[in-house]
Structures are given as structure tokens and as C-alpha cells.
């Protein structure tokens, strides 16, 4: 039986992502669901997307879309969209793509990375017992009818059970405790990888949680 493994907001933390993948001991039949927010804030957004592209060649990777992924794409329009992105961590993303001795620009981002952000990311994913989103959902709307605001921007506010009866797995709302937030109907696994927290991977069937951080430390919950 395949494991369904959900990974929370990565935010440029490539060391934590690599260590986490080693710690989990990925298997060939694993389904890896990443919950969005790959760039910004952490030091190596470029490295994160490189790792995800590599994982997609060797495993079933299901990458979801987060609000920071949207903001990075929108930044190409310039003006307010660009500055808004810079203000929430886009500057660190550009630095990760910069040529040595230069500041970095959107032009330094390779085509394969833009294609990943534009074409590979999904709004949600579901199994028989769970569904996965970046932000949240309205409990009384089918997943196909959820507005973008809810999927990518809404914070975790003790959500009601979704009409599907499935448990929601989400990110987006940073848990400063470094531990997932678990309620009766939902689990938030954004455990603040880019701050002093951890990057989390949840096995949704067993409830096991593996964590790694940018210092290379690992732990299980």
C-alpha cells in the first residue's frame, strides 16, 4: 500500500527539505503531496524547486499551489505586484537565483522553474479519506467550487467538517510552536520551516510526523 505523505510550507528551506526526505526514507510507491509556498523567506528557493523537480522524476509528486507561488508569478507584471512580493520574502528568492556578485532578478529564474510554478501546481488533491489544500475551504462547497481566496489565502480558523466528510490537511497558517495544529476535522502542518521551527511531513494514514529544520536536525512526533 502506498503511503500518502503531506509536506508543509517549505519557503526556501532546501536543507530542511533534503534532510526530511532522507529521514522519511521515501519508497518508490509513496505519494508525496506538497502543500504549496515553495519560494520566499528562506535562503534557497532555487534549491527547493530543484529538489521538487528531482523528486517528480523518481516518485509520484503532487505539488499544490500556495499564495507565495501565485505572488511570485504575478511579480512578473512589475509595479505593485512586484513590490508586494518583495515585501513578503521575494528578495530572498531573487538572491537564491543570483549570479555570483549580483543581486538577482526574475530573468535569472530558469524556464523549468517558471513552468513548474505555472503548469504543475494543483489547487487541491483528495484521497478516499482526506483532502489537501494550501489554505482552507468553505465547508458547504464542493472542492471544485471553492474560490481562490479560500484555497490559497484563508487562514486556519478551526474549520467545520467539509461536506465530503473528509479530513482537511492544509498549510499556510504558520504554527510558531513548531508542531502541527490538530482539530476534529483538520490538520495544519505549516510548522514555520523558515523561522525557528520545522518542516513537517505527515503520513496521513498512520498520523506519524517527521520533522527537519535548516540546522539539519531531525525529530519525530
C-alpha atoms as a PDB file:
ATOM      1  CA  UNK A   1       0.000   0.000   0.000  1.00  0.00           C
ATOM      2  CA  UNK A   2       1.374   3.424  -0.892  1.00  0.00           C
ATOM      3  CA  UNK A   3       1.948   5.985   1.812  1.00  0.00           C
ATOM      4  CA  UNK A   4       0.309   9.396   1.367  1.00  0.00           C
ATOM      5  CA  UNK A   5       2.857  11.860   2.688  1.00  0.00           C
ATOM      6  CA  UNK A   6       1.958  15.543   3.084  1.00  0.00           C
ATOM      7  CA  UNK A   7       4.746  18.122   3.393  1.00  0.00           C
ATOM      8  CA  UNK A   8       4.000  21.592   4.752  1.00  0.00           C
ATOM      9  CA  UNK A   9       5.117  25.032   3.558  1.00  0.00           C
ATOM     10  CA  UNK A  10       8.789  24.818   2.530  1.00  0.00           C
ATOM     11  CA  UNK A  11       9.549  28.533   1.975  1.00  0.00           C
ATOM     12  CA  UNK A  12      13.031  28.290   0.547  1.00  0.00           C
ATOM     13  CA  UNK A  13      14.328  25.822   3.142  1.00  0.00           C
ATOM     14  CA  UNK A  14      16.179  23.391   0.902  1.00  0.00           C
ATOM     15  CA  UNK A  15      18.351  21.888   3.643  1.00  0.00           C
ATOM     16  CA  UNK A  16      15.286  21.042   5.720  1.00  0.00           C
ATOM     17  CA  UNK A  17      13.585  19.537   2.657  1.00  0.00           C
ATOM     18  CA  UNK A  18      16.541  17.328   1.759  1.00  0.00           C
ATOM     19  CA  UNK A  19      17.014  16.181   5.358  1.00  0.00           C
ATOM     20  CA  UNK A  20      13.293  15.478   5.685  1.00  0.00           C
ATOM     21  CA  UNK A  21      13.230  13.316   2.558  1.00  0.00           C
ATOM     22  CA  UNK A  22      16.192  11.312   3.886  1.00  0.00           C
ATOM     23  CA  UNK A  23      14.578  10.963   7.309  1.00  0.00           C
ATOM     24  CA  UNK A  24      11.261   9.706   5.911  1.00  0.00           C
ATOM     25  CA  UNK A  25      13.113   7.109   3.785  1.00  0.00           C
ATOM     26  CA  UNK A  26      10.968   7.579   0.715  1.00  0.00           C
ATOM     27  CA  UNK A  27       9.676   4.472  -1.036  1.00  0.00           C
ATOM     28  CA  UNK A  28       9.055   4.021  -4.741  1.00  0.00           C
ATOM     29  CA  UNK A  29       5.266   3.848  -4.315  1.00  0.00           C
ATOM     30  CA  UNK A  30       4.926   6.871  -1.996  1.00  0.00           C
ATOM     31  CA  UNK A  31       2.571   9.681  -2.988  1.00  0.00           C
ATOM     32  CA  UNK A  32       4.165  12.968  -1.883  1.00  0.00           C
ATOM     33  CA  UNK A  33       1.760  15.894  -1.562  1.00  0.00           C
ATOM     34  CA  UNK A  34       3.460  19.260  -1.071  1.00  0.00           C
ATOM     35  CA  UNK A  35       1.105  21.957   0.195  1.00  0.00           C
ATOM     36  CA  UNK A  36       2.496  24.988  -1.617  1.00  0.00           C
ATOM     37  CA  UNK A  37       4.631  28.056  -0.786  1.00  0.00           C
ATOM     38  CA  UNK A  38       7.907  26.829  -2.219  1.00  0.00           C
ATOM     39  CA  UNK A  39       9.687  30.207  -2.576  1.00  0.00           C
ATOM     40  CA  UNK A  40      10.279  33.255  -0.344  1.00  0.00           C
ATOM     41  CA  UNK A  41      11.601  33.966   3.143  1.00  0.00           C
ATOM     42  CA  UNK A  42      14.035  31.054   3.407  1.00  0.00           C
ATOM     43  CA  UNK A  43      17.539  31.211   1.878  1.00  0.00           C
ATOM     44  CA  UNK A  44      17.299  28.821  -1.080  1.00  0.00           C
ATOM     45  CA  UNK A  45      14.079  28.948  -3.092  1.00  0.00           C
ATOM     46  CA  UNK A  46      16.008  27.868  -6.180  1.00  0.00           C
ATOM     47  CA  UNK A  47      17.271  24.784  -4.368  1.00  0.00           C
ATOM     48  CA  UNK A  48      13.781  23.889  -3.177  1.00  0.00           C
ATOM     49  CA  UNK A  49      12.361  23.837  -6.688  1.00  0.00           C
ATOM     50  CA  UNK A  50      15.400  21.894  -7.910  1.00  0.00           C
ATOM     51  CA  UNK A  51      14.690  19.236  -5.255  1.00  0.00           C
ATOM     52  CA  UNK A  52      10.987  19.103  -6.149  1.00  0.00           C
ATOM     53  CA  UNK A  53      11.759  18.683  -9.843  1.00  0.00           C
ATOM     54  CA  UNK A  54      14.120  15.828  -8.949  1.00  0.00           C
ATOM     55  CA  UNK A  55      11.500  14.188  -6.715  1.00  0.00           C
ATOM     56  CA  UNK A  56       8.954  14.411  -9.532  1.00  0.00           C
ATOM     57  CA  UNK A  57      11.243  12.259 -11.700  1.00  0.00           C
ATOM     58  CA  UNK A  58      11.514   9.487  -9.100  1.00  0.00           C
ATOM     59  CA  UNK A  59       8.227   9.486  -7.174  1.00  0.00           C
ATOM     60  CA  UNK A  60       4.609  10.477  -7.551  1.00  0.00           C
ATOM     61  CA  UNK A  61       4.806  14.146  -6.554  1.00  0.00           C
ATOM     62  CA  UNK A  62       1.548  16.073  -6.188  1.00  0.00           C
ATOM     63  CA  UNK A  63       2.550  19.740  -5.779  1.00  0.00           C
ATOM     64  CA  UNK A  64      -0.207  22.109  -4.676  1.00  0.00           C
ATOM     65  CA  UNK A  65      -0.356  25.856  -5.221  1.00  0.00           C
ATOM     66  CA  UNK A  66       0.170  28.371  -2.407  1.00  0.00           C
ATOM     67  CA  UNK A  67      -0.250  32.117  -2.208  1.00  0.00           C
ATOM     68  CA  UNK A  68       3.503  32.766  -2.374  1.00  0.00           C
ATOM     69  CA  UNK A  69       3.731  30.758  -5.597  1.00  0.00           C
ATOM     70  CA  UNK A  70       0.983  32.959  -7.019  1.00  0.00           C
ATOM     71  CA  UNK A  71       2.724  36.134  -5.861  1.00  0.00           C
ATOM     72  CA  UNK A  72       5.988  35.096  -7.478  1.00  0.00           C
ATOM     73  CA  UNK A  73       4.241  34.536 -10.791  1.00  0.00           C
ATOM     74  CA  UNK A  74       2.350  37.824 -10.509  1.00  0.00           C
ATOM     75  CA  UNK A  75       5.599  39.676  -9.750  1.00  0.00           C
ATOM     76  CA  UNK A  76       6.480  39.385 -13.438  1.00  0.00           C
ATOM     77  CA  UNK A  77       3.844  42.059 -14.092  1.00  0.00           C
ATOM     78  CA  UNK A  78       6.016  44.555 -12.223  1.00  0.00           C
ATOM     79  CA  UNK A  79       4.739  47.558 -10.293  1.00  0.00           C
ATOM     80  CA  UNK A  80       2.702  46.933  -7.159  1.00  0.00           C
ATOM     81  CA  UNK A  81       2.638  43.164  -7.685  1.00  0.00           C
ATOM     82  CA  UNK A  82       6.432  43.037  -7.808  1.00  0.00           C
ATOM     83  CA  UNK A  83       6.911  45.216  -4.731  1.00  0.00           C
ATOM     84  CA  UNK A  84       4.278  43.294  -2.764  1.00  0.00           C
ATOM     85  CA  UNK A  85       6.149  40.086  -3.478  1.00  0.00           C
ATOM     86  CA  UNK A  86       9.496  41.595  -2.499  1.00  0.00           C
ATOM     87  CA  UNK A  87       7.975  42.738   0.790  1.00  0.00           C
ATOM     88  CA  UNK A  88       6.951  39.183   1.782  1.00  0.00           C
ATOM     89  CA  UNK A  89      10.230  37.448   1.016  1.00  0.00           C
ATOM     90  CA  UNK A  90      10.695  37.785  -2.718  1.00  0.00           C
ATOM     91  CA  UNK A  91      14.037  39.453  -2.110  1.00  0.00           C
ATOM     92  CA  UNK A  92      15.446  36.244  -0.620  1.00  0.00           C
ATOM     93  CA  UNK A  93      14.096  34.295  -3.583  1.00  0.00           C
ATOM     94  CA  UNK A  94      15.885  36.560  -6.067  1.00  0.00           C
ATOM     95  CA  UNK A  95      19.091  36.255  -4.057  1.00  0.00           C
ATOM     96  CA  UNK A  96      18.947  32.459  -4.373  1.00  0.00           C
ATOM     97  CA  UNK A  97      18.909  32.762  -8.173  1.00  0.00           C
ATOM     98  CA  UNK A  98      21.549  35.491  -8.393  1.00  0.00           C
ATOM     99  CA  UNK A  99      24.759  35.031 -10.268  1.00  0.00           C
ATOM    100  CA  UNK A 100      27.827  35.427  -8.096  1.00  0.00           C
ATOM    101  CA  UNK A 101      28.389  39.064  -7.184  1.00  0.00           C
ATOM    102  CA  UNK A 102      24.982  40.179  -8.471  1.00  0.00           C
ATOM    103  CA  UNK A 103      21.668  40.925  -6.762  1.00  0.00           C
ATOM    104  CA  UNK A 104      19.482  38.605  -8.805  1.00  0.00           C
ATOM    105  CA  UNK A 105      16.412  39.296 -10.921  1.00  0.00           C
ATOM    106  CA  UNK A 106      13.373  37.498 -12.281  1.00  0.00           C
ATOM    107  CA  UNK A 107      15.313  36.976 -15.503  1.00  0.00           C
ATOM    108  CA  UNK A 108      17.654  34.634 -13.601  1.00  0.00           C
ATOM    109  CA  UNK A 109      14.844  32.159 -12.858  1.00  0.00           C
ATOM    110  CA  UNK A 110      15.158  29.252 -15.332  1.00  0.00           C
ATOM    111  CA  UNK A 111      12.317  28.330 -17.647  1.00  0.00           C
ATOM    112  CA  UNK A 112      11.878  24.942 -15.951  1.00  0.00           C
ATOM    113  CA  UNK A 113      11.130  26.667 -12.644  1.00  0.00           C
ATOM    114  CA  UNK A 114       8.560  29.014 -14.195  1.00  0.00           C
ATOM    115  CA  UNK A 115       6.924  26.029 -15.882  1.00  0.00           C
ATOM    116  CA  UNK A 116       6.787  24.180 -12.563  1.00  0.00           C
ATOM    117  CA  UNK A 117       5.028  27.132 -10.889  1.00  0.00           C
ATOM    118  CA  UNK A 118       2.709  27.794 -13.830  1.00  0.00           C
ATOM    119  CA  UNK A 119       1.769  24.336 -15.064  1.00  0.00           C
ATOM    120  CA  UNK A 120       2.438  21.713 -12.394  1.00  0.00           C
ATOM    121  CA  UNK A 121       0.727  23.125  -9.310  1.00  0.00           C
ATOM    122  CA  UNK A 122      -2.785  21.963  -8.404  1.00  0.00           C
ATOM    123  CA  UNK A 123      -5.491  23.761  -6.373  1.00  0.00           C
ATOM    124  CA  UNK A 124      -6.222  20.679  -4.241  1.00  0.00           C
ATOM    125  CA  UNK A 125      -5.865  16.899  -4.073  1.00  0.00           C
ATOM    126  CA  UNK A 126      -8.014  14.258  -2.414  1.00  0.00           C
ATOM    127  CA  UNK A 127      -7.974  10.621  -1.370  1.00  0.00           C
ATOM    128  CA  UNK A 128     -10.796   8.458  -0.032  1.00  0.00           C
ATOM    129  CA  UNK A 129     -10.380   9.824   3.479  1.00  0.00           C
ATOM    130  CA  UNK A 130      -8.553  13.177   3.208  1.00  0.00           C
ATOM    131  CA  UNK A 131      -8.257  16.243   1.033  1.00  0.00           C
ATOM    132  CA  UNK A 132      -5.279  18.586   0.780  1.00  0.00           C
ATOM    133  CA  UNK A 133      -5.225  22.341   0.208  1.00  0.00           C
ATOM    134  CA  UNK A 134      -2.846  25.188   0.936  1.00  0.00           C
ATOM    135  CA  UNK A 135      -5.211  27.475   2.843  1.00  0.00           C
ATOM    136  CA  UNK A 136      -8.724  26.316   3.662  1.00  0.00           C
ATOM    137  CA  UNK A 137     -12.196  25.687   2.202  1.00  0.00           C
ATOM    138  CA  UNK A 138     -15.820  26.596   2.751  1.00  0.00           C
ATOM    139  CA  UNK A 139     -17.360  23.546   4.455  1.00  0.00           C
ATOM    140  CA  UNK A 140     -20.548  23.582   2.372  1.00  0.00           C
ATOM    141  CA  UNK A 141     -18.983  23.902  -1.102  1.00  0.00           C
ATOM    142  CA  UNK A 142     -17.571  21.079  -3.251  1.00  0.00           C
ATOM    143  CA  UNK A 143     -13.823  21.334  -3.778  1.00  0.00           C
ATOM    144  CA  UNK A 144     -14.290  22.174  -7.459  1.00  0.00           C
ATOM    145  CA  UNK A 145     -16.380  25.218  -6.492  1.00  0.00           C
ATOM    146  CA  UNK A 146     -14.021  26.694  -3.894  1.00  0.00           C
ATOM    147  CA  UNK A 147     -12.894  30.276  -4.643  1.00  0.00           C
ATOM    148  CA  UNK A 148      -9.209  31.072  -4.944  1.00  0.00           C
ATOM    149  CA  UNK A 149      -9.326  33.221  -1.823  1.00  0.00           C
ATOM    150  CA  UNK A 150     -10.241  30.223   0.323  1.00  0.00           C
ATOM    151  CA  UNK A 151      -7.843  27.763  -1.303  1.00  0.00           C
ATOM    152  CA  UNK A 152      -4.765  29.981  -1.194  1.00  0.00           C
ATOM    153  CA  UNK A 153      -5.266  32.807   1.297  1.00  0.00           C
ATOM    154  CA  UNK A 154      -7.706  31.870   4.065  1.00  0.00           C
ATOM    155  CA  UNK A 155      -6.158  31.112   7.437  1.00  0.00           C
ATOM    156  CA  UNK A 156      -6.838  28.134   9.696  1.00  0.00           C
ATOM    157  CA  UNK A 157      -9.761  29.097  11.932  1.00  0.00           C
ATOM    158  CA  UNK A 158     -10.987  25.844  13.494  1.00  0.00           C
ATOM    159  CA  UNK A 159     -12.809  24.829  10.286  1.00  0.00           C
ATOM    160  CA  UNK A 160     -16.029  22.859  10.315  1.00  0.00           C
ATOM    161  CA  UNK A 161     -16.187  19.400   8.762  1.00  0.00           C
ATOM    162  CA  UNK A 162     -16.322  19.599   4.993  1.00  0.00           C
ATOM    163  CA  UNK A 163     -19.449  18.307   3.244  1.00  0.00           C
ATOM    164  CA  UNK A 164     -17.377  15.442   1.822  1.00  0.00           C
ATOM    165  CA  UNK A 165     -16.819  14.126   5.346  1.00  0.00           C
ATOM    166  CA  UNK A 166     -13.068  14.001   4.665  1.00  0.00           C
ATOM    167  CA  UNK A 167     -10.331  15.379   6.901  1.00  0.00           C
ATOM    168  CA  UNK A 168      -8.588  18.513   5.597  1.00  0.00           C
ATOM    169  CA  UNK A 169      -4.782  18.670   5.522  1.00  0.00           C
ATOM    170  CA  UNK A 170      -3.501  22.213   4.991  1.00  0.00           C
ATOM    171  CA  UNK A 171      -0.615  24.623   5.460  1.00  0.00           C
ATOM    172  CA  UNK A 172      -0.465  28.438   5.178  1.00  0.00           C
ATOM    173  CA  UNK A 173      -1.139  29.263   8.848  1.00  0.00           C
ATOM    174  CA  UNK A 174       2.271  29.190  10.491  1.00  0.00           C
ATOM    175  CA  UNK A 175       2.411  27.317  13.811  1.00  0.00           C
ATOM    176  CA  UNK A 176       5.063  29.046  15.893  1.00  0.00           C
ATOM    177  CA  UNK A 177       5.070  26.089  18.282  1.00  0.00           C
ATOM    178  CA  UNK A 178       6.753  24.027  15.571  1.00  0.00           C
ATOM    179  CA  UNK A 179       4.062  21.371  15.955  1.00  0.00           C
ATOM    180  CA  UNK A 180       1.035  20.611  13.716  1.00  0.00           C
ATOM    181  CA  UNK A 181      -2.314  22.010  14.819  1.00  0.00           C
ATOM    182  CA  UNK A 182      -4.876  19.206  15.006  1.00  0.00           C
ATOM    183  CA  UNK A 183      -8.642  19.607  15.347  1.00  0.00           C
ATOM    184  CA  UNK A 184     -11.507  17.196  14.882  1.00  0.00           C
ATOM    185  CA  UNK A 185     -11.863  17.978  11.177  1.00  0.00           C
ATOM    186  CA  UNK A 186      -8.486  19.280  10.022  1.00  0.00           C
ATOM    187  CA  UNK A 187      -4.705  19.257  10.474  1.00  0.00           C
ATOM    188  CA  UNK A 188      -2.442  22.229   9.716  1.00  0.00           C
ATOM    189  CA  UNK A 189       1.179  21.238   9.071  1.00  0.00           C
ATOM    190  CA  UNK A 190       2.782  24.613   8.377  1.00  0.00           C
ATOM    191  CA  UNK A 191       5.260  24.446  11.243  1.00  0.00           C
ATOM    192  CA  UNK A 192       7.295  27.538  10.320  1.00  0.00           C
ATOM    193  CA  UNK A 193      10.229  25.978   8.492  1.00  0.00           C
ATOM    194  CA  UNK A 194      11.673  29.358   7.536  1.00  0.00           C
ATOM    195  CA  UNK A 195      11.691  30.694  11.105  1.00  0.00           C
ATOM    196  CA  UNK A 196      12.944  28.844  14.132  1.00  0.00           C
ATOM    197  CA  UNK A 197      10.537  25.993  13.514  1.00  0.00           C
ATOM    198  CA  UNK A 198      10.454  22.804  11.481  1.00  0.00           C
ATOM    199  CA  UNK A 199       9.429  21.407   8.115  1.00  0.00           C
ATOM    200  CA  UNK A 200       6.854  18.661   8.689  1.00  0.00           C
ATOM    201  CA  UNK A 201       5.878  15.525   6.793  1.00  0.00           C
ATOM    202  CA  UNK A 202       2.656  13.773   7.811  1.00  0.00           C
ATOM    203  CA  UNK A 203       1.769  10.189   6.960  1.00  0.00           C
ATOM    204  CA  UNK A 204      -1.977  10.717   6.744  1.00  0.00           C
ATOM    205  CA  UNK A 205      -2.904   7.086   7.367  1.00  0.00           C
ATOM    206  CA  UNK A 206      -0.827   6.490  10.500  1.00  0.00           C
ATOM    207  CA  UNK A 207      -0.590  10.038  11.851  1.00  0.00           C
ATOM    208  CA  UNK A 208       3.200   9.780  12.103  1.00  0.00           C
ATOM    209  CA  UNK A 209       5.026  13.102  11.715  1.00  0.00           C
ATOM    210  CA  UNK A 210       8.671  13.518  10.725  1.00  0.00           C
ATOM    211  CA  UNK A 211      10.354  16.913  11.006  1.00  0.00           C
ATOM    212  CA  UNK A 212      13.637  18.501   9.924  1.00  0.00           C
ATOM    213  CA  UNK A 213      15.000  22.025  10.100  1.00  0.00           C
ATOM    214  CA  UNK A 214      17.577  24.224   8.406  1.00  0.00           C
ATOM    215  CA  UNK A 215      20.163  23.278  11.030  1.00  0.00           C
ATOM    216  CA  UNK A 216      19.914  19.690   9.825  1.00  0.00           C
ATOM    217  CA  UNK A 217      18.209  18.483  12.997  1.00  0.00           C
ATOM    218  CA  UNK A 218      15.510  15.804  12.835  1.00  0.00           C
ATOM    219  CA  UNK A 219      12.765  14.587  15.122  1.00  0.00           C
ATOM    220  CA  UNK A 220       9.569  12.515  15.162  1.00  0.00           C
ATOM    221  CA  UNK A 221       6.268  13.436  16.791  1.00  0.00           C
END
